[in-house]
Amino acid sequence: ATDYTARIARLVADLAASGLEVSHPLLEGRAEVKNTVTLMLTANRGLCGGYNGNVIRNTLRHRQELTDQGTPPRLDVSGKRGINGMKFRKIAIGDSYTEFEDQPSLEAVSRIAEKYLEDYISGKLDRLDVVYTRFHSIAKQVAVVETLLPLGSLGGDAAASKGAAAKPSEGPSLYEFVPSPASILEEVVPMSFKVRLFKCFLDAAVSEQIARMVAMKSATENASEMIRNLSRTYNRARQSQITGEIMEVIGGVEALQS
């Protein structure tokens, strides 16, 4: 997914470098932002350390920042843990999703993406932020807030997920547009958004499994240490009991002999 996202970003950047003079609604920002949506990606299950807590804290902080700016966001949530967390805090939830597990499907994510695309093009949505855990490596996953809509200028940083290359290819970019530049953009720009949203879900799923693996490893090590300490305490108590019984027997024998 990372390579595919980077390739889509490079394609959009190449189109920009080729002197393309057409526009697309998804690339146009709003003069005034009124309707914002924050999509929070959490897990359906716990036992994964601070994974869910970090995302929820980032979401609450981001929500407060937007509220202070006069644009309180509608909160959409994926994952039972996030849904329960918002209900516990009595925060209203817009759309909720609980069907995503270990392997999010592009088809399911595309349905969500289509809804956001329609809302943005129709003017019902001015900005979409996604709060999720970005995967960097096995040793590093960070809860982040990423703005997916508007996509920004053609070929800009918004053309790809952060961390994915958005620079044009080296050398001249010579394209022959068939049937037209507008039709190419009509396909590439929405696909760029869908791929970026899908990558957010994939990063969240991978980070969740890593967090769960680390949490379970830590729990196993703690349990093993507890068992060792308990066994040591039990052996000491048993040894003391046996020693006491032996001393009683010896004392009884000496009493009989005397």
Protein backbone atom coordinates (compact mmCIF):
# COMPACT_ATOMS: atom_id res chain seq x y z
CA ALA A 1 0.00 0.00 0.00
CA THR A 2 2.86 2.39 0.77
CA ASP A 3 4.48 1.82 -2.62
CA TYR A 4 1.16 2.16 -4.41
CA THR A 5 0.37 5.38 -2.55
CA ALA A 6 3.79 6.76 -3.43
CA ARG A 7 3.31 5.84 -7.09
CA ILE A 8 -0.09 7.54 -7.24
CA ALA A 9 1.47 10.62 -5.63
CA ARG A 10 4.28 10.62 -8.17
CA LEU A 11 1.77 10.31 -11.00
CA VAL A 12 -0.18 13.33 -9.75
CA ALA A 13 3.07 15.26 -9.32
CA ASP A 14 4.10 14.36 -12.89
CA LEU A 15 0.75 15.57 -14.18
CA ALA A 16 1.30 18.85 -12.38
CA ALA A 17 4.81 19.19 -13.81
CA SER A 18 3.52 18.53 -17.33
CA GLY A 19 1.73 21.89 -17.43
CA LEU A 20 -1.78 20.55 -16.91
CA GLU A 21 -4.22 23.47 -16.76
CA VAL A 22 -7.41 21.88 -15.50
CA SER A 23 -8.94 21.81 -12.04
CA HIS A 24 -10.81 19.31 -9.92
CA PRO A 25 -13.27 19.99 -7.05
CA LEU A 26 -11.24 17.85 -4.63
CA LEU A 27 -8.17 20.02 -5.19
CA GLU A 28 -9.94 23.28 -4.38
CA GLY A 29 -9.88 24.48 -0.80
CA ARG A 30 -12.73 26.37 0.82
CA ALA A 31 -12.54 30.12 1.33
CA GLU A 32 -14.34 29.56 4.63
CA VAL A 33 -14.31 26.25 6.49
CA LYS A 34 -17.61 25.57 8.24
CA ASN A 35 -18.34 21.84 8.08
CA THR A 36 -15.53 19.62 9.33
CA VAL A 37 -15.38 15.91 10.04
CA THR A 38 -12.83 14.07 12.15
CA LEU A 39 -12.57 10.32 11.54
CA MET A 40 -11.01 8.40 14.43
CA LEU A 41 -9.59 4.91 13.79
CA THR A 42 -9.44 2.66 16.86
CA ALA A 43 -9.65 -1.07 17.54
CA ASN A 44 -12.63 -3.29 18.25
CA ARG A 45 -10.71 -5.02 21.04
CA GLY A 46 -8.44 -4.05 23.89
CA LEU A 47 -5.33 -5.77 25.24
CA CYS A 48 -3.10 -3.63 23.01
CA GLY A 49 -1.41 -1.32 25.50
CA GLY A 50 -1.86 2.40 24.92
CA TYR A 51 -2.88 2.03 21.27
CA ASN A 52 -6.50 3.13 21.68
CA GLY A 53 -5.75 5.64 24.42
CA ASN A 54 -3.21 7.53 22.32
CA VAL A 55 -5.63 7.87 19.39
CA ILE A 56 -8.49 8.98 21.64
CA ARG A 57 -6.33 11.61 23.37
CA ASN A 58 -5.17 12.97 20.01
CA THR A 59 -8.77 13.09 18.81
CA LEU A 60 -9.98 14.97 21.87
CA ARG A 61 -7.09 17.45 21.60
CA HIS A 62 -7.74 18.02 17.88
CA ARG A 63 -11.49 18.35 18.47
CA GLN A 64 -10.89 20.99 21.13
CA GLU A 65 -8.56 22.94 18.82
CA LEU A 66 -11.16 23.04 16.05
CA THR A 67 -13.88 23.97 18.52
CA ASP A 68 -11.78 26.87 19.80
CA GLN A 69 -11.44 28.02 16.17
CA GLY A 70 -15.22 28.09 15.82
CA THR A 71 -15.54 24.95 13.66
CA PRO A 72 -16.48 22.08 15.97
CA PRO A 73 -16.15 18.86 13.95
CA ARG A 74 -18.56 16.01 13.51
CA LEU A 75 -16.89 12.94 14.94
CA ASP A 76 -16.98 9.69 12.96
CA VAL A 77 -15.50 6.66 14.71
CA SER A 78 -14.20 3.30 13.56
CA GLY A 79 -13.74 0.68 16.28
CA LYS A 80 -15.74 -0.33 19.34
CA ARG A 81 -13.12 1.03 21.74
CA GLY A 82 -13.36 4.50 20.28
CA ILE A 83 -17.16 4.36 20.17
CA ASN A 84 -17.35 3.32 23.83
CA GLY A 85 -14.78 5.96 24.77
CA MET A 86 -16.83 8.74 23.21
CA LYS A 87 -20.08 7.46 24.72
CA PHE A 88 -18.42 7.37 28.14
CA ARG A 89 -17.43 11.03 27.69
CA LYS A 90 -20.93 11.85 26.38
CA ILE A 91 -19.56 13.10 23.05
CA ALA A 92 -21.93 12.83 20.09
CA ILE A 93 -20.88 10.46 17.31
CA GLY A 94 -21.80 10.81 13.64
CA ASP A 95 -21.14 7.66 11.64
CA SER A 96 -19.65 4.61 13.34
CA TYR A 97 -17.97 1.54 11.88
CA THR A 98 -17.25 -1.78 13.59
CA GLU A 99 -16.66 -4.06 10.61
CA PHE A 100 -12.91 -3.47 10.32
CA GLU A 101 -10.72 -6.10 11.94
CA ASP A 102 -7.17 -7.28 11.20
CA GLN A 103 -7.36 -6.87 7.42
CA PRO A 104 -9.40 -3.88 6.17
CA SER A 105 -10.63 -4.36 2.61
CA LEU A 106 -10.28 -1.73 -0.10
CA GLU A 107 -13.92 -2.31 -1.05
CA ALA A 108 -15.20 -1.46 2.44
CA VAL A 109 -12.95 1.59 2.78
CA SER A 110 -13.93 2.77 -0.71
CA ARG A 111 -17.58 2.91 0.33
CA ILE A 112 -16.66 5.28 3.16
CA ALA A 113 -14.41 7.28 0.84
CA GLU A 114 -17.20 7.66 -1.73
CA LYS A 115 -19.48 9.16 0.91
CA TYR A 116 -16.85 11.72 1.92
CA LEU A 117 -16.13 12.55 -1.73
CA GLU A 118 -19.81 13.16 -2.43
CA ASP A 119 -20.18 15.35 0.66
CA TYR A 120 -17.11 17.40 -0.25
CA ILE A 121 -18.10 17.94 -3.88
CA SER A 122 -21.67 18.87 -2.88
CA GLY A 123 -20.43 21.36 -0.28
CA LYS A 124 -21.65 19.44 2.78
CA LEU A 125 -18.06 18.87 3.88
CA ASP A 126 -15.23 21.42 3.91
CA ARG A 127 -12.49 19.47 5.65
CA LEU A 128 -11.76 15.87 6.61
CA ASP A 129 -9.16 14.92 9.22
CA VAL A 130 -8.22 11.35 10.11
CA VAL A 131 -6.77 10.46 13.51
CA TYR A 132 -4.97 7.13 13.41
CA THR A 133 -1.71 5.39 14.34
CA ARG A 134 0.81 5.72 11.54
CA PHE A 135 3.16 2.79 11.01
CA HIS A 136 6.82 3.73 10.58
CA SER A 137 8.53 0.48 11.56
CA ILE A 138 8.19 -2.47 13.92
CA ALA A 139 9.72 -0.31 16.64
CA LYS A 140 7.86 2.93 15.92
CA GLN A 141 4.16 3.72 15.51
CA VAL A 142 2.84 7.21 16.20
CA ALA A 143 -0.71 8.51 16.67
CA VAL A 144 -1.17 11.38 14.20
CA VAL A 145 -3.79 13.72 12.74
CA GLU A 146 -3.77 13.88 8.94
CA THR A 147 -5.91 16.13 6.74
CA LEU A 148 -7.17 14.22 3.68
CA LEU A 149 -9.64 16.74 2.26
CA PRO A 150 -9.10 19.05 0.54
CA LEU A 151 -6.32 17.29 -1.34
CA GLY A 152 -4.56 20.61 -1.88
CA SER A 153 -2.63 21.82 -4.89
CA LEU A 154 -1.98 19.34 -7.67
CA GLY A 155 1.17 17.42 -6.90
CA GLY A 156 1.55 18.98 -3.45
CA ASP A 157 2.08 17.30 -0.13
CA ALA A 158 -1.61 16.48 0.11
CA ALA A 159 -1.32 14.30 -2.98
CA ALA A 160 0.09 11.51 -0.88
CA SER A 161 0.23 10.32 2.68
CA LYS A 162 2.93 11.96 4.69
CA GLY A 163 6.11 10.02 4.26
CA ALA A 164 5.30 9.04 0.69
CA ALA A 165 7.24 10.74 -2.06
CA ALA A 166 5.28 13.40 -3.93
CA LYS A 167 8.11 14.74 -6.09
CA PRO A 168 7.84 14.44 -9.86
CA SER A 169 9.95 11.84 -11.63
CA GLU A 170 13.44 12.86 -12.70
CA GLY A 171 13.66 14.14 -16.24
CA PRO A 172 10.90 15.57 -18.42
CA SER A 173 7.38 14.18 -17.98
CA LEU A 174 5.86 13.70 -21.43
CA TYR A 175 2.23 12.59 -21.36
CA GLU A 176 -0.28 12.04 -24.09
CA PHE A 177 -3.74 12.44 -22.60
CA VAL A 178 -6.37 10.06 -23.95
CA PRO A 179 -9.16 10.95 -24.14
CA SER A 180 -8.52 14.25 -22.28
CA PRO A 181 -6.65 15.72 -19.28
CA ALA A 182 -9.94 16.30 -17.45
CA SER A 183 -10.93 12.63 -17.75
CA ILE A 184 -7.52 11.56 -16.43
CA LEU A 185 -7.91 13.80 -13.39
CA GLU A 186 -11.43 12.50 -12.88
CA GLU A 187 -9.94 9.05 -12.30
CA VAL A 188 -6.61 9.82 -10.65
CA VAL A 189 -7.66 12.41 -8.05
CA PRO A 190 -10.51 10.40 -6.41
CA MET A 191 -8.31 7.29 -6.50
CA SER A 192 -5.55 9.24 -4.76
CA PHE A 193 -7.95 10.05 -1.91
CA LYS A 194 -9.24 6.48 -1.66
CA VAL A 195 -5.72 5.07 -1.55
CA ARG A 196 -4.66 7.53 1.14
CA LEU A 197 -7.70 6.68 3.29
CA PHE A 198 -7.10 2.96 2.74
CA LYS A 199 -3.48 3.38 3.83
CA CYS A 200 -4.69 5.05 7.04
CA PHE A 201 -6.82 1.99 7.80
CA LEU A 202 -3.95 -0.38 6.94
CA ASP A 203 -1.48 1.53 9.10
CA ALA A 204 -3.97 1.48 11.97
CA ALA A 205 -4.51 -2.29 11.62
CA VAL A 206 -0.78 -3.08 11.48
CA SER A 207 -0.01 -0.78 14.41
CA GLU A 208 -2.80 -2.40 16.43
CA GLN A 209 -1.36 -5.88 15.93
CA ILE A 210 2.14 -4.71 16.83
CA ALA A 211 0.81 -2.99 19.95
CA ARG A 212 -1.08 -6.15 20.90
CA MET A 213 2.01 -8.29 20.30
CA VAL A 214 4.12 -6.02 22.51
CA ALA A 215 1.44 -5.93 25.21
CA MET A 216 1.07 -9.72 25.21
CA LYS A 217 4.84 -10.19 25.30
CA SER A 218 5.06 -7.86 28.27
CA ALA A 219 2.15 -9.62 29.99
CA THR A 220 3.78 -13.02 29.39
CA GLU A 221 7.09 -11.84 30.82
CA ASN A 222 5.36 -10.33 33.85
CA ALA A 223 3.37 -13.53 34.40
CA SER A 224 6.55 -15.63 34.13
CA GLU A 225 8.28 -13.41 36.68
CA MET A 226 5.26 -13.66 38.99
CA ILE A 227 5.29 -17.46 38.69
CA ARG A 228 9.01 -17.58 39.51
CA ASN A 229 8.52 -15.39 42.58
CA LEU A 230 5.51 -17.41 43.71
CA SER A 231 7.39 -20.69 43.23
CA ARG A 232 10.35 -19.33 45.20
CA THR A 233 8.06 -18.21 48.04
CA TYR A 234 6.24 -21.57 48.02
CA ASN A 235 9.50 -23.52 48.13
CA ARG A 236 10.77 -21.45 51.03
CA ALA A 237 7.55 -21.98 52.98
CA ARG A 238 7.62 -25.71 52.22
CA GLN A 239 11.25 -25.97 53.25
CA SER A 240 10.53 -24.17 56.52
CA GLN A 241 7.59 -26.49 57.19
CA ILE A 242 9.68 -29.60 56.51
CA THR A 243 12.51 -28.31 58.69
CA GLY A 244 10.04 -27.63 61.50
CA GLU A 245 8.56 -31.13 61.24
CA ILE A 246 12.02 -32.71 61.29
CA MET A 247 12.92 -30.74 64.40
CA GLU A 248 9.71 -31.92 66.08
CA VAL A 249 10.54 -35.55 65.27
CA ILE A 250 14.09 -35.18 66.58
CA GLY A 251 12.79 -33.51 69.71
CA GLY A 252 10.30 -36.34 70.25
CA VAL A 253 12.99 -39.01 69.82
CA GLU A 254 15.30 -37.29 72.28
CA ALA A 255 12.43 -37.02 74.78
CA LEU A 256 11.75 -40.77 74.53
CA GLN A 257 15.41 -41.65 74.91
CA SER A 258 15.71 -39.57 78.03
